[in-house]
Amino acid sequence: MLKDVISANYKGGYKIEVIFEDGAKGVVDFSRYLSEGGVFEKFKDIEFFKSFTINEELGVLTWGDEIDIAPETLYAEATNSPLPDWMDTKQDSSANMSLQPTS
């Protein structure tokens, strides 16, 4: 079951506190993705990183029209819970083990 992001607050550095529709919340540290390259390369500009919004229709965090993070990966990271069974975590990318861009 997906849990939409309903609130997010910048906490400094590369940390964002995320609150979900079920009341669960936690802080996600995005700093490890600075070395991932690709779409995450833009996170090196802290002002870009801080410009996140919530796409209320999809229940996800977004950065511009380029990056959005799936709510299930945010939920797992923020609450220290496992990813849903249907998500493939055995691929060869470290991004698949935690936060995954959905676009």
Protein backbone atom coordinates (compact mmCIF):
# COMPACT_ATOMS: atom_id res chain seq x y z
CA MET A 1 0.00 0.00 0.00
CA LEU A 2 1.38 3.39 -1.00
CA LYS A 3 1.55 6.11 1.60
CA ASP A 4 1.53 9.60 0.15
CA VAL A 5 3.80 12.37 1.38
CA ILE A 6 1.63 15.12 2.89
CA SER A 7 4.32 17.36 4.38
CA ALA A 8 8.07 17.85 4.08
CA ASN A 9 10.39 20.18 5.95
CA TYR A 10 14.01 21.00 5.15
CA LYS A 11 16.19 20.16 8.17
CA GLY A 12 19.60 21.37 7.01
CA GLY A 13 22.31 19.88 4.84
CA TYR A 14 20.72 17.20 2.72
CA LYS A 15 18.08 16.16 5.24
CA ILE A 16 14.33 16.45 4.80
CA GLU A 17 11.72 15.45 7.37
CA VAL A 18 8.86 13.71 5.60
CA ILE A 19 5.34 13.16 7.00
CA PHE A 20 3.02 10.61 5.42
CA GLU A 21 -0.75 10.33 5.24
CA ASP A 22 -0.80 7.64 7.94
CA GLY A 23 0.97 9.98 10.40
CA ALA A 24 4.35 8.25 10.15
CA LYS A 25 7.32 10.57 9.81
CA GLY A 26 11.07 10.55 9.73
CA VAL A 27 14.13 12.29 8.36
CA VAL A 28 15.61 11.19 5.05
CA ASP A 29 19.29 11.97 4.41
CA PHE A 30 19.90 12.47 0.70
CA SER A 31 23.64 13.24 1.03
CA ARG A 32 24.77 9.79 -0.07
CA TYR A 33 23.28 10.46 -3.51
CA LEU A 34 25.62 13.35 -4.24
CA SER A 35 28.09 10.90 -5.76
CA GLU A 36 25.49 8.95 -7.76
CA GLY A 37 25.61 11.20 -10.80
CA GLY A 38 22.79 11.36 -13.33
CA VAL A 39 19.75 13.26 -12.10
CA PHE A 40 21.24 13.41 -8.59
CA GLU A 41 24.08 15.58 -9.91
CA LYS A 42 21.74 18.56 -9.51
CA PHE A 43 21.59 17.96 -5.75
CA LYS A 44 25.15 19.32 -5.50
CA ASP A 45 23.54 22.76 -5.82
CA ILE A 46 22.10 23.07 -2.30
CA GLU A 47 19.68 25.78 -3.42
CA PHE A 48 18.28 23.39 -6.03
CA PHE A 49 18.01 20.67 -3.40
CA LYS A 50 16.17 22.98 -1.02
CA SER A 51 13.67 23.88 -3.76
CA PHE A 52 11.74 20.58 -3.42
CA THR A 53 7.96 20.57 -3.47
CA ILE A 54 5.26 17.97 -2.90
CA ASN A 55 3.27 16.86 -5.90
CA GLU A 56 -0.04 16.47 -4.08
CA GLU A 57 -1.63 14.55 -6.93
CA LEU A 58 1.05 11.85 -6.80
CA GLY A 59 2.07 12.15 -3.12
CA VAL A 60 5.78 12.47 -3.95
CA LEU A 61 8.66 14.87 -3.37
CA THR A 62 9.75 16.59 -6.56
CA TRP A 63 12.54 18.86 -7.72
CA GLY A 64 11.49 20.84 -10.77
CA ASP A 65 10.17 18.73 -13.60
CA GLU A 66 13.16 16.40 -13.50
CA ILE A 67 13.35 14.49 -10.23
CA ASP A 68 10.73 12.84 -8.07
CA ILE A 69 11.19 10.22 -5.41
CA ALA A 70 8.73 7.37 -5.05
CA PRO A 71 6.74 7.54 -1.81
CA GLU A 72 7.40 3.89 -0.96
CA THR A 73 11.15 4.41 -0.99
CA LEU A 74 10.81 7.59 1.07
CA TYR A 75 8.56 5.76 3.53
CA ALA A 76 11.03 2.90 3.93
CA GLU A 77 13.92 5.31 4.42
CA ALA A 78 12.09 7.67 6.78
CA THR A 79 10.58 4.96 8.97
CA ASN A 80 13.42 2.45 8.75
CA SER A 81 11.04 -0.15 7.40
CA PRO A 82 11.50 -2.59 4.50
CA LEU A 83 10.59 -1.76 0.94
CA PRO A 84 7.42 -3.41 -0.36
CA ASP A 85 7.93 -6.94 -1.69
CA TRP A 86 7.04 -5.91 -5.22
CA MET A 87 10.00 -3.53 -5.45
CA ASP A 88 13.10 -5.11 -6.97
CA THR A 89 16.03 -4.42 -4.64
CA LYS A 90 18.40 -6.97 -6.19
CA GLN A 91 19.51 -4.85 -9.12
CA ASP A 92 23.12 -3.72 -9.33
CA SER A 93 22.48 -0.06 -8.43
CA SER A 94 22.87 1.41 -4.96
CA ALA A 95 19.96 3.77 -5.73
CA ASN A 96 17.70 0.71 -5.94
CA MET A 97 18.61 -0.22 -2.40
CA SER A 98 17.10 2.95 -1.02
CA LEU A 99 15.84 6.08 -2.72
CA GLN A 100 14.77 5.71 -6.33
CA PRO A 101 13.97 8.49 -8.77
CA THR A 102 10.68 7.71 -10.47
CA SER A 103 11.38 9.76 -13.56
